[in-house]
Amino acid sequence: MAKVTYLDNCGFAVKTDNILLVFDYYRDPAHALTHLLKNNPELPVVFFVSNSHPDHFNKEIFKLGQNHKHMYVLANDVLSFAGNTEVQAVGLSAGDRIEDVMGALTIEAFSATDAGISFLITTADGETIFYGGDLSPRHYDVKDAREAQRMASQFTIATRRIAAAVPEVNLAFMEVDPRLGDDFAAGAAEFVSTVRVDNFIPMHTQGHSAATDFRNYPVPADCATRFHAFAEVGQTLSIKLPAANPA
């Protein structure tokens, strides 16, 4: 069982029995992460940052978790920001893989279509978590047809690589941005149609209820993925993560 807490925008914390994972901390208006850290002093913490965009990355993370065993796994465009801080940090590019992180995690980096990277994490118990960062088949601000096609193609390639890398993803976080218009959930539908996903959480939803009304998602009728919605920042959901079949 994992407890997933929504921090804000693309920021989430995932607490398991053995570790606390923090993704793309941007801000924490409900002080949810503060409480998680205070109430779980025995848990090691890994902070992930997928890209340097200001709604994905806040340098304040380098001051968090100091009373815990902790480290930072960063996209290479973020690593330079940690240069003058006394933190344990590793920078990744798409294609990189690191093992035995905190004695518990294997982490693989995949490409993202807008900036930075996405993360595929396998725990010591075989649970798999995918954090997409800015992986999306489109960007609301892209008007050039060639650039739009490049992003769509890169998204499909990345999604197929993820499907080939792991039998299933127990928990996936994916950008679902209603600013894209009527087909805003097309990327989510392609992802769960290509990758076997047990649990899906949309992010970068801009506060639009349409993004958490999963009837709007054009997924296949036989899709077994469970979709989860967060009503407000600071909310926590308990999600069962059946371990993927280990290789």
Protein backbone atom coordinates (compact mmCIF):
# COMPACT_ATOMS: atom_id res chain seq x y z
CA MET A 1 0.00 0.00 0.00
CA ALA A 2 1.21 3.49 -0.86
CA LYS A 3 -0.08 6.79 0.44
CA VAL A 4 -0.04 9.41 -2.30
CA THR A 5 -0.30 13.07 -1.31
CA TYR A 6 -1.01 15.91 -3.73
CA LEU A 7 1.25 18.88 -3.03
CA ASP A 8 0.38 21.25 -5.91
CA ASN A 9 0.52 21.37 -9.72
CA CYS A 10 2.86 18.46 -10.58
CA GLY A 11 4.07 17.93 -7.04
CA PHE A 12 3.32 14.64 -5.28
CA ALA A 13 4.67 12.64 -2.38
CA VAL A 14 4.49 8.84 -2.33
CA LYS A 15 4.97 7.15 1.02
CA THR A 16 5.55 3.40 1.25
CA ASP A 17 6.50 1.32 4.27
CA ASN A 18 10.17 1.80 3.47
CA ILE A 19 10.72 5.15 1.76
CA LEU A 20 9.27 8.55 0.93
CA LEU A 21 9.44 9.77 -2.68
CA VAL A 22 8.85 13.43 -3.53
CA PHE A 23 8.23 14.43 -7.15
CA ASP A 24 8.60 17.92 -8.65
CA TYR A 25 8.10 19.93 -5.47
CA TYR A 26 6.93 23.38 -6.52
CA ARG A 27 5.12 24.54 -3.43
CA ASP A 28 3.22 23.04 -0.52
CA PRO A 29 0.40 25.40 0.50
CA ALA A 30 -1.23 22.78 2.74
CA HIS A 31 2.11 21.98 4.45
CA ALA A 32 1.44 18.33 3.66
CA LEU A 33 5.07 17.48 2.95
CA THR A 34 6.16 19.26 6.11
CA HIS A 35 3.85 17.00 8.11
CA LEU A 36 4.97 13.87 6.26
CA LEU A 37 8.61 14.59 7.03
CA LYS A 38 7.90 15.41 10.65
CA ASN A 39 5.74 12.35 11.24
CA ASN A 40 8.04 9.84 9.52
CA PRO A 41 11.56 10.65 10.77
CA GLU A 42 12.73 7.08 10.18
CA LEU A 43 12.00 7.05 6.45
CA PRO A 44 14.69 7.90 3.90
CA VAL A 45 13.59 10.51 1.35
CA VAL A 46 14.37 10.77 -2.36
CA PHE A 47 13.53 14.05 -4.09
CA PHE A 48 12.97 13.84 -7.86
CA VAL A 49 13.00 16.84 -10.22
CA SER A 50 12.09 16.19 -13.85
CA ASN A 51 12.97 19.62 -15.29
CA SER A 52 13.90 23.17 -14.34
CA HIS A 53 10.59 24.85 -15.20
CA PRO A 54 9.50 26.98 -12.23
CA ASP A 55 6.24 25.04 -11.78
CA HIS A 56 8.25 21.80 -11.41
CA PHE A 57 11.29 22.93 -9.45
CA ASN A 58 11.83 25.03 -6.36
CA LYS A 59 15.33 25.41 -4.91
CA GLU A 60 13.77 25.18 -1.46
CA ILE A 61 13.88 21.38 -1.83
CA PHE A 62 17.59 21.54 -1.00
CA LYS A 63 16.58 22.67 2.49
CA LEU A 64 13.99 19.93 2.99
CA GLY A 65 14.50 16.51 4.53
CA GLN A 66 17.69 17.51 6.31
CA ASN A 67 16.81 15.42 9.37
CA HIS A 68 16.31 12.34 7.20
CA LYS A 69 18.62 10.16 5.20
CA HIS A 70 18.00 11.82 1.87
CA MET A 71 19.20 12.41 -1.68
CA TYR A 72 18.18 14.18 -4.88
CA VAL A 73 17.67 12.63 -8.33
CA LEU A 74 17.60 15.44 -10.86
CA ALA A 75 17.33 16.03 -14.56
CA ASN A 76 20.71 17.25 -15.75
CA ASP A 77 19.30 20.71 -16.46
CA VAL A 78 18.58 20.97 -12.72
CA LEU A 79 21.83 19.51 -11.37
CA SER A 80 23.75 22.78 -11.66
CA PHE A 81 21.37 24.39 -9.14
CA ALA A 82 22.63 21.93 -6.52
CA GLY A 83 26.26 22.80 -7.20
CA ASN A 84 26.69 25.17 -4.29
CA THR A 85 24.71 23.12 -1.79
CA GLU A 86 25.95 20.32 0.40
CA VAL A 87 23.48 17.71 -0.81
CA GLN A 88 23.82 14.25 -2.27
CA ALA A 89 22.58 14.69 -5.81
CA VAL A 90 22.79 12.77 -9.07
CA GLY A 91 21.92 14.11 -12.52
CA LEU A 92 20.29 11.97 -15.18
CA SER A 93 19.66 12.18 -18.90
CA ALA A 94 17.29 10.04 -20.94
CA GLY A 95 18.68 6.52 -21.16
CA ASP A 96 20.50 6.64 -17.83
CA ARG A 97 19.87 4.01 -15.16
CA ILE A 98 21.00 3.91 -11.53
CA GLU A 99 20.57 1.08 -9.05
CA ASP A 100 20.59 0.55 -5.30
CA VAL A 101 19.44 4.10 -4.60
CA MET A 102 18.99 4.32 -0.83
CA GLY A 103 19.43 0.55 -0.90
CA ALA A 104 15.92 0.24 -2.29
CA LEU A 105 15.36 1.73 -5.75
CA THR A 106 16.30 1.25 -9.37
CA ILE A 107 15.68 4.41 -11.39
CA GLU A 108 15.58 4.72 -15.18
CA ALA A 109 15.33 8.02 -17.04
CA PHE A 110 13.25 8.36 -20.19
CA SER A 111 12.80 11.32 -22.50
CA ALA A 112 10.15 14.00 -22.07
CA THR A 113 8.72 15.86 -24.99
CA ASP A 114 8.88 19.42 -23.62
CA ALA A 115 11.79 19.60 -21.16
CA GLY A 116 13.90 17.38 -18.96
CA ILE A 117 13.16 13.71 -18.36
CA SER A 118 10.65 11.28 -16.93
CA PHE A 119 11.35 8.63 -14.29
CA LEU A 120 10.61 4.92 -14.02
CA ILE A 121 11.23 3.67 -10.48
CA THR A 122 11.29 0.06 -9.31
CA THR A 123 11.30 -0.57 -5.58
CA ALA A 124 13.04 -3.43 -3.80
CA ASP A 125 9.61 -5.12 -3.56
CA GLY A 126 9.14 -4.93 -7.34
CA GLU A 127 6.62 -2.09 -7.30
CA THR A 128 6.88 0.22 -10.30
CA ILE A 129 6.15 3.95 -10.35
CA PHE A 130 6.31 6.16 -13.44
CA TYR A 131 6.51 9.93 -13.15
CA GLY A 132 6.06 11.59 -16.53
CA GLY A 133 7.21 15.15 -15.84
CA ASP A 134 6.65 17.11 -19.06
CA LEU A 135 6.02 14.04 -21.19
CA SER A 136 3.03 14.92 -23.36
CA PRO A 137 2.11 14.45 -27.04
CA ARG A 138 1.34 18.16 -27.34
CA HIS A 139 2.03 21.48 -25.68
CA TYR A 140 -0.69 24.10 -25.47
CA ASP A 141 1.68 26.85 -26.64
CA VAL A 142 3.05 25.03 -29.70
CA LYS A 143 1.53 26.37 -32.94
CA ASP A 144 4.06 25.08 -35.47
CA ALA A 145 2.76 21.93 -37.19
CA ARG A 146 6.21 20.36 -37.51
CA GLU A 147 7.00 20.87 -33.85
CA ALA A 148 3.60 19.46 -32.88
CA GLN A 149 4.27 16.38 -35.01
CA ARG A 150 7.74 15.97 -33.49
CA MET A 151 6.29 16.01 -29.99
CA ALA A 152 3.58 13.50 -30.88
CA SER A 153 6.13 11.16 -32.45
CA GLN A 154 8.55 11.49 -29.53
CA PHE A 155 5.73 10.79 -27.10
CA THR A 156 4.80 7.58 -28.93
CA ILE A 157 8.44 6.45 -29.03
CA ALA A 158 8.95 7.15 -25.33
CA THR A 159 5.71 5.38 -24.40
CA ARG A 160 6.67 2.28 -26.38
CA ARG A 161 10.11 2.23 -24.75
CA ILE A 162 8.51 2.33 -21.32
CA ALA A 163 6.18 -0.50 -22.27
CA ALA A 164 9.18 -2.54 -23.42
CA ALA A 165 11.14 -1.78 -20.24
CA VAL A 166 8.66 -3.07 -17.68
CA PRO A 167 5.79 -5.60 -17.65
CA GLU A 168 3.45 -3.15 -15.95
CA VAL A 169 3.44 0.17 -14.13
CA ASN A 170 1.70 0.03 -10.78
CA LEU A 171 1.36 3.80 -10.43
CA ALA A 172 1.69 6.40 -13.20
CA PHE A 173 1.63 10.20 -12.99
CA MET A 174 0.99 11.87 -16.36
CA GLU A 175 0.44 15.41 -17.60
CA VAL A 176 -3.20 16.05 -18.56
CA ASP A 177 -3.55 19.70 -19.52
CA PRO A 178 -7.05 20.97 -20.44
CA ARG A 179 -5.46 23.95 -22.21
CA LEU A 180 -4.87 21.56 -25.10
CA GLY A 181 -8.54 21.68 -26.02
CA ASP A 182 -11.00 18.87 -26.67
CA ASP A 183 -8.34 16.17 -27.05
CA PHE A 184 -6.50 17.07 -23.82
CA ALA A 185 -6.71 13.47 -22.55
CA ALA A 186 -5.45 11.85 -25.76
CA GLY A 187 -1.94 11.42 -24.34
CA ALA A 188 -3.26 9.71 -21.21
CA ALA A 189 -5.36 7.39 -23.36
CA GLU A 190 -2.39 6.51 -25.58
CA PHE A 191 -0.22 5.87 -22.54
CA VAL A 192 -2.60 3.47 -20.79
CA SER A 193 -3.35 1.78 -24.11
CA THR A 194 0.36 1.14 -24.72
CA VAL A 195 1.65 0.56 -21.18
CA ARG A 196 -0.10 -1.76 -18.76
CA VAL A 197 -0.97 0.67 -15.95
CA ASP A 198 -2.66 -0.32 -12.70
CA ASN A 199 -3.26 3.17 -11.28
CA PHE A 200 -3.20 6.51 -13.09
CA ILE A 201 -3.03 10.00 -11.56
CA PRO A 202 -3.35 13.09 -13.80
CA MET A 203 -1.20 16.13 -13.06
CA HIS A 204 -0.64 19.61 -14.49
CA THR A 205 -4.45 19.81 -14.62
CA GLN A 206 -4.55 23.60 -14.07
CA GLY A 207 -7.35 23.09 -11.56
CA HIS A 208 -9.87 22.12 -14.26
CA SER A 209 -12.47 19.58 -13.15
CA ALA A 210 -12.60 18.20 -16.69
CA ALA A 211 -9.16 16.65 -16.12
CA THR A 212 -10.47 14.63 -13.19
CA ASP A 213 -13.74 13.64 -14.85
CA PHE A 214 -12.41 10.43 -16.32
CA ARG A 215 -15.45 9.97 -18.55
CA ASN A 216 -13.65 12.46 -20.80
CA TYR A 217 -10.74 10.06 -21.33
CA PRO A 218 -10.98 8.17 -24.65
CA VAL A 219 -9.59 4.92 -23.23
CA PRO A 220 -10.43 1.50 -24.68
CA ALA A 221 -13.51 -0.15 -23.21
CA ASP A 222 -11.45 -3.03 -21.84
CA CYS A 223 -8.93 -0.75 -20.08
CA ALA A 224 -8.35 -2.06 -16.54
CA THR A 225 -6.51 1.05 -15.29
CA ARG A 226 -7.91 2.67 -12.16
CA PHE A 227 -8.00 6.48 -12.37
CA HIS A 228 -7.67 8.57 -9.21
CA ALA A 229 -8.64 12.19 -8.64
CA PHE A 230 -7.45 14.65 -6.00
CA ALA A 231 -9.99 17.28 -5.01
CA GLU A 232 -7.57 19.67 -3.29
CA VAL A 233 -3.95 20.19 -2.36
CA GLY A 234 -2.86 18.30 0.73
CA GLN A 235 -5.25 15.41 0.06
CA THR A 236 -3.90 11.89 0.54
CA LEU A 237 -5.15 8.70 -1.11
CA SER A 238 -4.19 5.16 -0.16
CA ILE A 239 -3.49 3.16 -3.31
CA LYS A 240 -2.69 -0.54 -3.44
CA LEU A 241 0.45 -1.20 -5.47
CA PRO A 242 0.59 -4.87 -6.39
CA ALA A 243 4.21 -5.59 -7.19
CA ALA A 244 4.90 -6.09 -10.87
CA ASN A 245 6.19 -9.45 -11.94
CA PRO A 246 9.93 -9.25 -11.24
CA ALA A 247 12.24 -10.00 -14.16
